[in-house]
Amino acid sequence: IDLWDYEHLILEAFPQIYKVRCLNHTCYEPGEGTVEGCDSTTDPCSGGIYRELAPGHVTIVTIPSLQNQNLRDPLKPFTSLGLLEEIKAFLEERRSCFAQLHVKNPQFEEVRVRFSLRLRDGFDETFYTNQLRQAITRFLSPWAFAGGGMPSFGGTIYKSVLINFVEEQPYVDYVTDFQLFHDICGKPGTVDLDHVEGSRAVSILVSVPAAKHEIALIKPAQDAPLGETCLCDS
């Protein structure tokens, strides 16, 4: 049995699952507790265990199919705990006796932007600023919207690509002071990055909720004051 076998056995038996990632010698157990062979590394996000050098351990991470589902948080598509237990029981009957299984949800890491914006003349500031926040969210997490794509593991988000996306919107004149942040484990990032990558093999990059993208409007320059009116006799 290799990684391909684990992944395709699950996809065949569980149509509710869209994508599976199998990681060898990886122990991933969020929450409290200890696991033999991988209890020496504490997961700073959950207080549990995360170790990528744990011989004999196999971690399965799943992404559910989003069709006909009303997810609590569409930006972060979690597989239900009940289904994860079903998948683990299914694999336990087929695994090697030397492998210890962990079947978990991925770790979602958020991408956030902050920049200043000048809208083109004639566009309502409040409406189009909110529309731009939604557009950025959809660009980063298309699966949360009707007709969008699906999340995937790994990948890189570049600041230059986001800047280009924003500037291509028809109501945008220009942007300045564009900053890109990587929020991990619920802790807001403070360093402006040129690109964002998942911090772990179990990570998936997602957008923060639209309201958390910070956009400051650049107001048009005020008209210069008129000079003193000449009261000279004609």
C-alpha atoms as a PDB file:
ATOM      1  CA  ILE A   1       0.000   0.000   0.000  1.00  0.00           C
ATOM      2  CA  ASP A   2       1.318   3.436  -0.899  1.00  0.00           C
ATOM      3  CA  LEU A   3      -0.051   6.987  -0.767  1.00  0.00           C
ATOM      4  CA  TRP A   4      -1.954   6.596  -4.034  1.00  0.00           C
ATOM      5  CA  ASP A   5      -3.799   3.560  -2.645  1.00  0.00           C
ATOM      6  CA  TYR A   6      -4.993   5.364   0.473  1.00  0.00           C
ATOM      7  CA  GLU A   7      -6.220   8.368  -1.506  1.00  0.00           C
ATOM      8  CA  HIS A   8      -8.076   6.432  -4.207  1.00  0.00           C
ATOM      9  CA  LEU A   9      -9.634   3.920  -1.821  1.00  0.00           C
ATOM     10  CA  ILE A  10     -11.226   6.840   0.029  1.00  0.00           C
ATOM     11  CA  LEU A  11     -12.364   8.659  -3.118  1.00  0.00           C
ATOM     12  CA  GLU A  12     -13.981   5.488  -4.448  1.00  0.00           C
ATOM     13  CA  ALA A  13     -15.751   4.560  -1.214  1.00  0.00           C
ATOM     14  CA  PHE A  14     -16.804   8.051  -0.094  1.00  0.00           C
ATOM     15  CA  PRO A  15     -18.341  10.219  -2.848  1.00  0.00           C
ATOM     16  CA  GLN A  16     -18.850  12.961  -0.224  1.00  0.00           C
ATOM     17  CA  ILE A  17     -15.084  13.579  -0.361  1.00  0.00           C
ATOM     18  CA  TYR A  18     -13.675  15.730  -3.148  1.00  0.00           C
ATOM     19  CA  LYS A  19      -9.936  15.484  -2.483  1.00  0.00           C
ATOM     20  CA  VAL A  20      -7.616  13.510  -0.196  1.00  0.00           C
ATOM     21  CA  ARG A  21      -4.022  14.076   0.777  1.00  0.00           C
ATOM     22  CA  CYS A  22      -2.041  11.232   2.306  1.00  0.00           C
ATOM     23  CA  LEU A  23       1.190  12.048   4.173  1.00  0.00           C
ATOM     24  CA  ASN A  24       3.611   9.348   5.214  1.00  0.00           C
ATOM     25  CA  HIS A  25       5.636   9.474   8.455  1.00  0.00           C
ATOM     26  CA  THR A  26       3.384  12.324   9.624  1.00  0.00           C
ATOM     27  CA  CYS A  27       1.519  12.411  12.937  1.00  0.00           C
ATOM     28  CA  TYR A  28      -1.294  14.971  13.220  1.00  0.00           C
ATOM     29  CA  GLU A  29      -3.553  14.883  16.270  1.00  0.00           C
ATOM     30  CA  PRO A  30      -5.117  18.241  17.186  1.00  0.00           C
ATOM     31  CA  GLY A  31      -6.278  18.586  20.777  1.00  0.00           C
ATOM     32  CA  GLU A  32      -4.918  17.269  24.016  1.00  0.00           C
ATOM     33  CA  GLY A  33      -3.450  13.836  24.460  1.00  0.00           C
ATOM     34  CA  THR A  34      -0.389  11.789  23.591  1.00  0.00           C
ATOM     35  CA  VAL A  35       0.332   9.393  20.760  1.00  0.00           C
ATOM     36  CA  GLU A  36       3.038   6.762  20.946  1.00  0.00           C
ATOM     37  CA  GLY A  37       5.899   7.591  18.624  1.00  0.00           C
ATOM     38  CA  CYS A  38       4.935  11.224  17.978  1.00  0.00           C
ATOM     39  CA  ASP A  39       4.244  12.909  21.282  1.00  0.00           C
ATOM     40  CA  SER A  40       7.454  14.923  21.460  1.00  0.00           C
ATOM     41  CA  THR A  41       6.295  17.850  19.330  1.00  0.00           C
ATOM     42  CA  THR A  42       3.459  20.114  20.465  1.00  0.00           C
ATOM     43  CA  ASP A  43       1.203  21.727  17.882  1.00  0.00           C
ATOM     44  CA  PRO A  44       1.177  25.479  18.667  1.00  0.00           C
ATOM     45  CA  CYS A  45      -2.185  25.880  16.915  1.00  0.00           C
ATOM     46  CA  SER A  46      -4.294  23.297  18.739  1.00  0.00           C
ATOM     47  CA  GLY A  47      -2.146  22.281  21.681  1.00  0.00           C
ATOM     48  CA  GLY A  48      -2.112  18.774  20.229  1.00  0.00           C
ATOM     49  CA  ILE A  49       0.542  17.008  18.180  1.00  0.00           C
ATOM     50  CA  TYR A  50       2.038  17.699  14.793  1.00  0.00           C
ATOM     51  CA  ARG A  51       5.191  15.942  13.667  1.00  0.00           C
ATOM     52  CA  GLU A  52       6.420  15.296  10.127  1.00  0.00           C
ATOM     53  CA  LEU A  53       9.119  12.828  11.172  1.00  0.00           C
ATOM     54  CA  ALA A  54       7.120  10.053  12.836  1.00  0.00           C
ATOM     55  CA  PRO A  55       7.949   6.681  11.235  1.00  0.00           C
ATOM     56  CA  GLY A  56       4.986   4.324  11.040  1.00  0.00           C
ATOM     57  CA  HIS A  57       2.380   7.088  11.159  1.00  0.00           C
ATOM     58  CA  VAL A  58       0.156   7.967   8.194  1.00  0.00           C
ATOM     59  CA  THR A  59      -1.973  11.118   8.146  1.00  0.00           C
ATOM     60  CA  ILE A  60      -5.012  11.443   5.886  1.00  0.00           C
ATOM     61  CA  VAL A  61      -6.401  14.942   5.276  1.00  0.00           C
ATOM     62  CA  THR A  62      -9.694  15.365   3.439  1.00  0.00           C
ATOM     63  CA  ILE A  63     -11.636  18.076   1.621  1.00  0.00           C
ATOM     64  CA  PRO A  64     -15.391  17.447   1.298  1.00  0.00           C
ATOM     65  CA  SER A  65     -17.365  17.885  -1.892  1.00  0.00           C
ATOM     66  CA  LEU A  66     -19.139  21.238  -1.738  1.00  0.00           C
ATOM     67  CA  GLN A  67     -22.058  20.295  -3.971  1.00  0.00           C
ATOM     68  CA  ASN A  68     -25.457  20.421  -2.267  1.00  0.00           C
ATOM     69  CA  GLN A  69     -23.913  21.288   1.089  1.00  0.00           C
ATOM     70  CA  ASN A  70     -24.720  24.132   3.456  1.00  0.00           C
ATOM     71  CA  LEU A  71     -21.414  24.541   5.250  1.00  0.00           C
ATOM     72  CA  ARG A  72     -21.175  26.527   8.453  1.00  0.00           C
ATOM     73  CA  ASP A  73     -18.142  28.347   7.068  1.00  0.00           C
ATOM     74  CA  PRO A  74     -17.849  28.011   3.260  1.00  0.00           C
ATOM     75  CA  LEU A  75     -14.409  29.653   3.341  1.00  0.00           C
ATOM     76  CA  LYS A  76     -13.173  26.705   5.440  1.00  0.00           C
ATOM     77  CA  PRO A  77     -14.824  23.474   4.234  1.00  0.00           C
ATOM     78  CA  PHE A  78     -14.462  20.997   7.095  1.00  0.00           C
ATOM     79  CA  THR A  79     -15.357  17.312   6.852  1.00  0.00           C
ATOM     80  CA  SER A  80     -17.713  16.241   9.653  1.00  0.00           C
ATOM     81  CA  LEU A  81     -16.163  14.311  12.530  1.00  0.00           C
ATOM     82  CA  GLY A  82     -18.598  11.457  11.923  1.00  0.00           C
ATOM     83  CA  LEU A  83     -17.449  11.043   8.327  1.00  0.00           C
ATOM     84  CA  LEU A  84     -13.796  11.201   9.373  1.00  0.00           C
ATOM     85  CA  GLU A  85     -14.431   8.350  11.803  1.00  0.00           C
ATOM     86  CA  GLU A  86     -16.126   6.327   9.033  1.00  0.00           C
ATOM     87  CA  ILE A  87     -13.114   6.857   6.764  1.00  0.00           C
ATOM     88  CA  LYS A  88     -10.711   5.790   9.509  1.00  0.00           C
ATOM     89  CA  ALA A  89     -12.720   2.631  10.264  1.00  0.00           C
ATOM     90  CA  PHE A  90     -12.778   1.820   6.541  1.00  0.00           C
ATOM     91  CA  LEU A  91      -8.989   2.157   6.264  1.00  0.00           C
ATOM     92  CA  GLU A  92      -8.292   0.277   9.494  1.00  0.00           C
ATOM     93  CA  GLU A  93      -9.622  -2.877   7.826  1.00  0.00           C
ATOM     94  CA  ARG A  94      -7.176  -2.489   4.935  1.00  0.00           C
ATOM     95  CA  ARG A  95      -4.051  -0.907   6.382  1.00  0.00           C
ATOM     96  CA  SER A  96      -0.770  -2.559   7.185  1.00  0.00           C
ATOM     97  CA  CYS A  97      -0.477  -3.674  10.794  1.00  0.00           C
ATOM     98  CA  PHE A  98       2.655  -1.518  11.029  1.00  0.00           C
ATOM     99  CA  ALA A  99       0.858   1.733  10.133  1.00  0.00           C
ATOM    100  CA  GLN A 100      -0.896   4.001  12.615  1.00  0.00           C
ATOM    101  CA  LEU A 101      -3.604   6.141  11.012  1.00  0.00           C
ATOM    102  CA  HIS A 102      -4.684   9.742  11.640  1.00  0.00           C
ATOM    103  CA  VAL A 103      -7.677  11.034   9.628  1.00  0.00           C
ATOM    104  CA  LYS A 104      -8.174  14.768  10.091  1.00  0.00           C
ATOM    105  CA  ASN A 105      -9.333  18.034   8.596  1.00  0.00           C
ATOM    106  CA  PRO A 106      -6.723  20.346   7.089  1.00  0.00           C
ATOM    107  CA  GLN A 107      -5.292  23.379   8.814  1.00  0.00           C
ATOM    108  CA  PHE A 108      -6.776  26.484   7.197  1.00  0.00           C
ATOM    109  CA  GLU A 109      -4.468  29.512   7.087  1.00  0.00           C
ATOM    110  CA  GLU A 110      -5.885  32.900   6.178  1.00  0.00           C
ATOM    111  CA  VAL A 111      -4.628  35.493   3.702  1.00  0.00           C
ATOM    112  CA  ARG A 112      -5.405  39.153   4.384  1.00  0.00           C
ATOM    113  CA  VAL A 113      -4.675  42.382   2.505  1.00  0.00           C
ATOM    114  CA  ARG A 114      -4.440  46.050   3.424  1.00  0.00           C
ATOM    115  CA  PHE A 115      -4.098  48.896   0.927  1.00  0.00           C
ATOM    116  CA  SER A 116      -5.221  52.390  -0.069  1.00  0.00           C
ATOM    117  CA  LEU A 117      -7.590  52.789  -2.997  1.00  0.00           C
ATOM    118  CA  ARG A 118      -8.628  55.555  -5.381  1.00  0.00           C
ATOM    119  CA  LEU A 119     -11.881  54.877  -7.193  1.00  0.00           C
ATOM    120  CA  ARG A 120     -12.673  56.254 -10.614  1.00  0.00           C
ATOM    121  CA  ASP A 121     -14.951  59.274 -10.713  1.00  0.00           C
ATOM    122  CA  GLY A 122     -18.653  58.520 -10.585  1.00  0.00           C
ATOM    123  CA  PHE A 123     -18.450  55.285  -8.549  1.00  0.00           C
ATOM    124  CA  ASP A 124     -20.093  55.125  -5.137  1.00  0.00           C
ATOM    125  CA  GLU A 125     -17.375  54.722  -2.513  1.00  0.00           C
ATOM    126  CA  THR A 126     -19.202  52.523   0.001  1.00  0.00           C
ATOM    127  CA  PHE A 127     -20.786  50.187  -2.546  1.00  0.00           C
ATOM    128  CA  TYR A 128     -17.686  49.590  -4.658  1.00  0.00           C
ATOM    129  CA  THR A 129     -15.320  49.292  -1.700  1.00  0.00           C
ATOM    130  CA  ASN A 130     -17.512  46.491  -0.337  1.00  0.00           C
ATOM    131  CA  GLN A 131     -17.733  44.955  -3.808  1.00  0.00           C
ATOM    132  CA  LEU A 132     -13.942  44.954  -4.054  1.00  0.00           C
ATOM    133  CA  ARG A 133     -13.647  43.208  -0.687  1.00  0.00           C
ATOM    134  CA  GLN A 134     -16.002  40.516  -1.952  1.00  0.00           C
ATOM    135  CA  ALA A 135     -14.067  40.226  -5.233  1.00  0.00           C
ATOM    136  CA  ILE A 136     -10.768  39.710  -3.368  1.00  0.00           C
ATOM    137  CA  THR A 137     -12.388  37.080  -1.143  1.00  0.00           C
ATOM    138  CA  ARG A 138     -13.751  35.261  -4.169  1.00  0.00           C
ATOM    139  CA  PHE A 139     -10.364  35.434  -5.903  1.00  0.00           C
ATOM    140  CA  LEU A 140      -8.660  33.835  -2.876  1.00  0.00           C
ATOM    141  CA  SER A 141     -11.449  31.360  -1.988  1.00  0.00           C
ATOM    142  CA  PRO A 142     -13.545  30.753  -5.126  1.00  0.00           C
ATOM    143  CA  TRP A 143     -15.155  27.612  -3.675  1.00  0.00           C
ATOM    144  CA  ALA A 144     -17.172  29.751  -1.215  1.00  0.00           C
ATOM    145  CA  PHE A 145     -19.220  31.196  -4.096  1.00  0.00           C
ATOM    146  CA  ALA A 146     -21.618  29.674  -6.622  1.00  0.00           C
ATOM    147  CA  GLY A 147     -19.796  28.383  -9.688  1.00  0.00           C
ATOM    148  CA  GLY A 148     -16.376  28.697  -8.038  1.00  0.00           C
ATOM    149  CA  GLY A 149     -13.499  26.226  -7.942  1.00  0.00           C
ATOM    150  CA  MET A 150     -12.343  23.904  -5.194  1.00  0.00           C
ATOM    151  CA  PRO A 151      -9.696  24.299  -2.489  1.00  0.00           C
ATOM    152  CA  SER A 152      -6.344  22.608  -2.893  1.00  0.00           C
ATOM    153  CA  PHE A 153      -3.338  21.840  -0.735  1.00  0.00           C
ATOM    154  CA  GLY A 154      -0.157  23.828  -1.032  1.00  0.00           C
ATOM    155  CA  GLY A 155       0.146  26.608  -3.562  1.00  0.00           C
ATOM    156  CA  THR A 156       1.470  30.128  -3.305  1.00  0.00           C
ATOM    157  CA  ILE A 157      -0.291  33.483  -3.384  1.00  0.00           C
ATOM    158  CA  TYR A 158       1.807  36.358  -4.748  1.00  0.00           C
ATOM    159  CA  LYS A 159       1.284  39.988  -3.817  1.00  0.00           C
ATOM    160  CA  SER A 160       1.962  41.097  -7.408  1.00  0.00           C
ATOM    161  CA  VAL A 161      -0.872  38.887  -8.695  1.00  0.00           C
ATOM    162  CA  LEU A 162      -3.306  40.352  -6.160  1.00  0.00           C
ATOM    163  CA  ILE A 163      -2.281  43.911  -7.027  1.00  0.00           C
ATOM    164  CA  ASN A 164      -2.843  43.194 -10.705  1.00  0.00           C
ATOM    165  CA  PHE A 165      -6.253  41.660  -9.941  1.00  0.00           C
ATOM    166  CA  VAL A 166      -7.352  44.728  -7.969  1.00  0.00           C
ATOM    167  CA  GLU A 167      -6.108  47.196 -10.575  1.00  0.00           C
ATOM    168  CA  GLU A 168      -7.990  45.357 -13.332  1.00  0.00           C
ATOM    169  CA  GLN A 169     -11.362  46.049 -11.706  1.00  0.00           C
ATOM    170  CA  PRO A 170     -13.210  48.609 -13.877  1.00  0.00           C
ATOM    171  CA  TYR A 171     -14.017  50.923 -10.967  1.00  0.00           C
ATOM    172  CA  VAL A 172     -10.435  51.108  -9.623  1.00  0.00           C
ATOM    173  CA  ASP A 173      -8.229  54.056 -10.581  1.00  0.00           C
ATOM    174  CA  TYR A 174      -5.099  53.031  -8.654  1.00  0.00           C
ATOM    175  CA  VAL A 175      -3.892  51.439  -5.399  1.00  0.00           C
ATOM    176  CA  THR A 176      -0.984  52.284  -3.097  1.00  0.00           C
ATOM    177  CA  ASP A 177       0.644  50.884   0.065  1.00  0.00           C
ATOM    178  CA  PHE A 178      -0.467  47.320  -0.738  1.00  0.00           C
ATOM    179  CA  GLN A 179       0.329  44.865   2.069  1.00  0.00           C
ATOM    180  CA  LEU A 180      -0.135  41.084   2.226  1.00  0.00           C
ATOM    181  CA  PHE A 181      -0.451  39.209   5.538  1.00  0.00           C
ATOM    182  CA  HIS A 182      -0.508  35.546   6.537  1.00  0.00           C
ATOM    183  CA  ASP A 183      -2.740  34.765   9.546  1.00  0.00           C
ATOM    184  CA  ILE A 184      -1.921  31.399  11.169  1.00  0.00           C
ATOM    185  CA  CYS A 185      -3.700  29.683  14.064  1.00  0.00           C
ATOM    186  CA  GLY A 186      -6.049  32.635  14.458  1.00  0.00           C
ATOM    187  CA  LYS A 187      -3.121  35.001  15.078  1.00  0.00           C
ATOM    188  CA  PRO A 188      -3.009  37.996  12.696  1.00  0.00           C
ATOM    189  CA  GLY A 189       0.216  38.300  10.753  1.00  0.00           C
ATOM    190  CA  THR A 190       2.177  41.495  11.247  1.00  0.00           C
ATOM    191  CA  VAL A 191       4.835  41.176   8.509  1.00  0.00           C
ATOM    192  CA  ASP A 192       4.141  42.450   4.995  1.00  0.00           C
ATOM    193  CA  LEU A 193       4.984  39.572   2.620  1.00  0.00           C
ATOM    194  CA  ASP A 194       5.759  39.348  -1.094  1.00  0.00           C
ATOM    195  CA  HIS A 195       4.042  35.941  -1.207  1.00  0.00           C
ATOM    196  CA  VAL A 196       2.254  33.525   1.123  1.00  0.00           C
ATOM    197  CA  GLU A 197       2.761  29.757   1.333  1.00  0.00           C
ATOM    198  CA  GLY A 198       1.135  27.199   3.600  1.00  0.00           C
ATOM    199  CA  SER A 199       3.261  26.580   6.664  1.00  0.00           C
ATOM    200  CA  ARG A 200       2.629  22.802   6.677  1.00  0.00           C
ATOM    201  CA  ALA A 201       1.847  19.919   4.391  1.00  0.00           C
ATOM    202  CA  VAL A 202      -1.688  19.848   5.879  1.00  0.00           C
ATOM    203  CA  SER A 203      -2.283  23.558   5.215  1.00  0.00           C
ATOM    204  CA  ILE A 204      -4.764  25.160   2.827  1.00  0.00           C
ATOM    205  CA  LEU A 205      -4.666  28.897   2.112  1.00  0.00           C
ATOM    206  CA  VAL A 206      -8.016  30.692   2.341  1.00  0.00           C
ATOM    207  CA  SER A 207      -9.251  34.261   2.425  1.00  0.00           C
ATOM    208  CA  VAL A 208     -10.226  35.986   5.637  1.00  0.00           C
ATOM    209  CA  PRO A 209     -13.908  37.054   5.709  1.00  0.00           C
ATOM    210  CA  ALA A 210     -14.450  39.939   3.297  1.00  0.00           C
ATOM    211  CA  ALA A 211     -14.939  42.495   6.070  1.00  0.00           C
ATOM    212  CA  LYS A 212     -11.390  41.868   7.355  1.00  0.00           C
ATOM    213  CA  HIS A 213      -9.707  43.051   4.158  1.00  0.00           C
ATOM    214  CA  GLU A 214      -8.638  46.610   5.034  1.00  0.00           C
ATOM    215  CA  ILE A 215      -9.212  49.194   2.315  1.00  0.00           C
ATOM    216  CA  ALA A 216      -8.606  52.907   2.919  1.00  0.00           C
ATOM    217  CA  LEU A 217     -10.107  55.323   0.397  1.00  0.00           C
ATOM    218  CA  ILE A 218      -8.004  58.058  -1.136  1.00  0.00           C
ATOM    219  CA  LYS A 219     -10.167  61.144  -1.380  1.00  0.00           C
ATOM    220  CA  PRO A 220      -9.911  63.385  -4.451  1.00  0.00           C
ATOM    221  CA  ALA A 221      -7.777  66.457  -3.949  1.00  0.00           C
ATOM    222  CA  GLN A 222      -9.696  69.450  -2.743  1.00  0.00           C
ATOM    223  CA  ASP A 223     -10.088  72.287  -5.190  1.00  0.00           C
ATOM    224  CA  ALA A 224      -7.483  74.964  -4.676  1.00  0.00           C
ATOM    225  CA  PRO A 225      -8.981  78.069  -3.022  1.00  0.00           C
ATOM    226  CA  LEU A 226      -9.793  80.830  -5.455  1.00  0.00           C
ATOM    227  CA  GLY A 227      -7.711  83.972  -5.290  1.00  0.00           C
ATOM    228  CA  GLU A 228      -9.141  87.129  -3.791  1.00  0.00           C
ATOM    229  CA  THR A 229     -11.710  88.643  -6.129  1.00  0.00           C
ATOM    230  CA  CYS A 230     -10.502  91.834  -7.693  1.00  0.00           C
ATOM    231  CA  LEU A 231     -12.761  94.777  -6.759  1.00  0.00           C
ATOM    232  CA  CYS A 232     -11.092  97.200  -9.114  1.00  0.00           C
ATOM    233  CA  ASP A 233     -13.257  99.630 -11.044  1.00  0.00           C
ATOM    234  CA  SER A 234     -13.889  98.553 -14.589  1.00  0.00           C
END
